[in-house]
C-alpha atoms as a PDB file:
ATOM      1  CA  MET A   1       0.669 -29.330  88.840  1.00  0.00           C
ATOM      2  CA  SER A   2      -0.894 -27.236  91.579  1.00  0.00           C
ATOM      3  CA  ASN A   3       1.633 -24.447  90.908  1.00  0.00           C
ATOM      4  CA  THR A   4       0.092 -23.643  87.542  1.00  0.00           C
ATOM      5  CA  MET A   5      -3.460 -24.819  88.172  1.00  0.00           C
ATOM      6  CA  LYS A   6      -6.050 -22.316  89.311  1.00  0.00           C
ATOM      7  CA  PHE A   7      -8.436 -23.154  92.128  1.00  0.00           C
ATOM      8  CA  GLU A   8     -11.428 -23.145  89.789  1.00  0.00           C
ATOM      9  CA  GLU A   9      -9.706 -25.633  87.466  1.00  0.00           C
ATOM     10  CA  ALA A  10      -8.876 -28.009  90.316  1.00  0.00           C
ATOM     11  CA  LEU A  11     -12.415 -27.728  91.660  1.00  0.00           C
ATOM     12  CA  ALA A  12     -13.875 -28.470  88.221  1.00  0.00           C
ATOM     13  CA  LYS A  13     -11.665 -31.571  87.906  1.00  0.00           C
ATOM     14  CA  LEU A  14     -12.726 -32.682  91.377  1.00  0.00           C
ATOM     15  CA  GLU A  15     -16.397 -32.210  90.497  1.00  0.00           C
ATOM     16  CA  GLU A  16     -15.924 -34.183  87.279  1.00  0.00           C
ATOM     17  CA  ALA A  17     -14.275 -37.074  89.133  1.00  0.00           C
ATOM     18  CA  VAL A  18     -17.115 -37.113  91.678  1.00  0.00           C
ATOM     19  CA  ARG A  19     -19.718 -37.001  88.908  1.00  0.00           C
ATOM     20  CA  LEU A  20     -18.143 -39.999  87.201  1.00  0.00           C
ATOM     21  CA  LEU A  21     -17.881 -41.902  90.472  1.00  0.00           C
ATOM     22  CA  GLU A  22     -21.510 -41.209  91.301  1.00  0.00           C
ATOM     23  CA  GLY A  23     -22.577 -42.242  87.803  1.00  0.00           C
ATOM     24  CA  GLY A  24     -21.935 -45.876  88.657  1.00  0.00           C
ATOM     25  CA  LYS A  25     -20.750 -46.800  85.162  1.00  0.00           C
ATOM     26  CA  LEU A  26     -17.043 -47.151  85.890  1.00  0.00           C
ATOM     27  CA  THR A  27     -15.254 -50.429  86.383  1.00  0.00           C
ATOM     28  CA  LEU A  28     -13.630 -51.077  89.733  1.00  0.00           C
ATOM     29  CA  ASP A  29     -10.210 -50.110  88.394  1.00  0.00           C
ATOM     30  CA  GLU A  30     -11.589 -46.937  86.822  1.00  0.00           C
ATOM     31  CA  SER A  31     -13.378 -46.082  90.055  1.00  0.00           C
ATOM     32  CA  ILE A  32     -10.191 -46.466  92.061  1.00  0.00           C
ATOM     33  CA  GLU A  33      -8.317 -44.291  89.583  1.00  0.00           C
ATOM     34  CA  LYS A  34     -11.007 -41.585  89.710  1.00  0.00           C
ATOM     35  CA  TYR A  35     -11.056 -41.776  93.502  1.00  0.00           C
ATOM     36  CA  GLU A  36      -7.294 -41.217  93.562  1.00  0.00           C
ATOM     37  CA  ASP A  37      -7.729 -38.287  91.178  1.00  0.00           C
ATOM     38  CA  ALA A  38     -10.436 -36.837  93.399  1.00  0.00           C
ATOM     39  CA  LEU A  39      -8.186 -37.064  96.464  1.00  0.00           C
ATOM     40  CA  LYS A  40      -5.407 -35.306  94.569  1.00  0.00           C
ATOM     41  CA  TYR A  41      -7.706 -32.434  93.642  1.00  0.00           C
ATOM     42  CA  VAL A  42      -9.109 -32.227  97.178  1.00  0.00           C
ATOM     43  CA  ARG A  43      -5.556 -31.766  98.450  1.00  0.00           C
ATOM     44  CA  ILE A  44      -4.794 -29.145  95.824  1.00  0.00           C
ATOM     45  CA  CYS A  45      -7.979 -27.211  96.637  1.00  0.00           C
ATOM     46  CA  ASN A  46      -7.356 -27.438 100.379  1.00  0.00           C
ATOM     47  CA  ASP A  47      -3.787 -26.167  99.969  1.00  0.00           C
ATOM     48  CA  MET A  48      -4.976 -23.233  97.896  1.00  0.00           C
ATOM     49  CA  LEU A  49      -7.736 -22.392 100.364  1.00  0.00           C
ATOM     50  CA  GLU A  50      -5.306 -22.529 103.288  1.00  0.00           C
ATOM     51  CA  LYS A  51      -2.913 -20.173 101.498  1.00  0.00           C
ATOM     52  CA  ALA A  52      -5.739 -17.786 100.692  1.00  0.00           C
ATOM     53  CA  GLU A  53      -6.899 -17.867 104.310  1.00  0.00           C
ATOM     54  CA  GLN A  54      -3.372 -17.060 105.505  1.00  0.00           C
ATOM     55  CA  LYS A  55      -3.191 -14.109 103.116  1.00  0.00           C
ATOM     56  CA  VAL A  56      -6.545 -12.787 104.331  1.00  0.00           C
ATOM     57  CA  LYS A  57      -5.397 -13.101 107.955  1.00  0.00           C
ATOM     58  CA  ILE A  58      -2.206 -11.196 107.160  1.00  0.00           C
ATOM     59  CA  LEU A  59      -4.108  -8.497 105.332  1.00  0.00           C
ATOM     60  CA  THR A  60      -6.745  -8.083 108.014  1.00  0.00           C
ATOM     61  CA  THR A  61      -4.232  -8.124 110.867  1.00  0.00           C
ATOM     62  CA  GLY A  62      -2.018  -5.659 109.051  1.00  0.00           C
ATOM     63  CA  ALA A  63      -4.969  -3.308 108.623  1.00  0.00           C
ATOM     64  CA  ASP A  64      -5.300  -2.769 112.377  1.00  0.00           C
END
């Protein structure tokens, strides 16, 4: 999934999951499911950010 998903899409899905969790209207099972979804999107976003940071480091080190 993360191969085709853009960072902004994953972030939007994470924000939506958090919004629903904070809304307090989900059942326990729904809350657990949304929490799992949120963790998945956190991992996807973190992976993308780490890759971007590595690219920036390579580009800035190569510029010297």
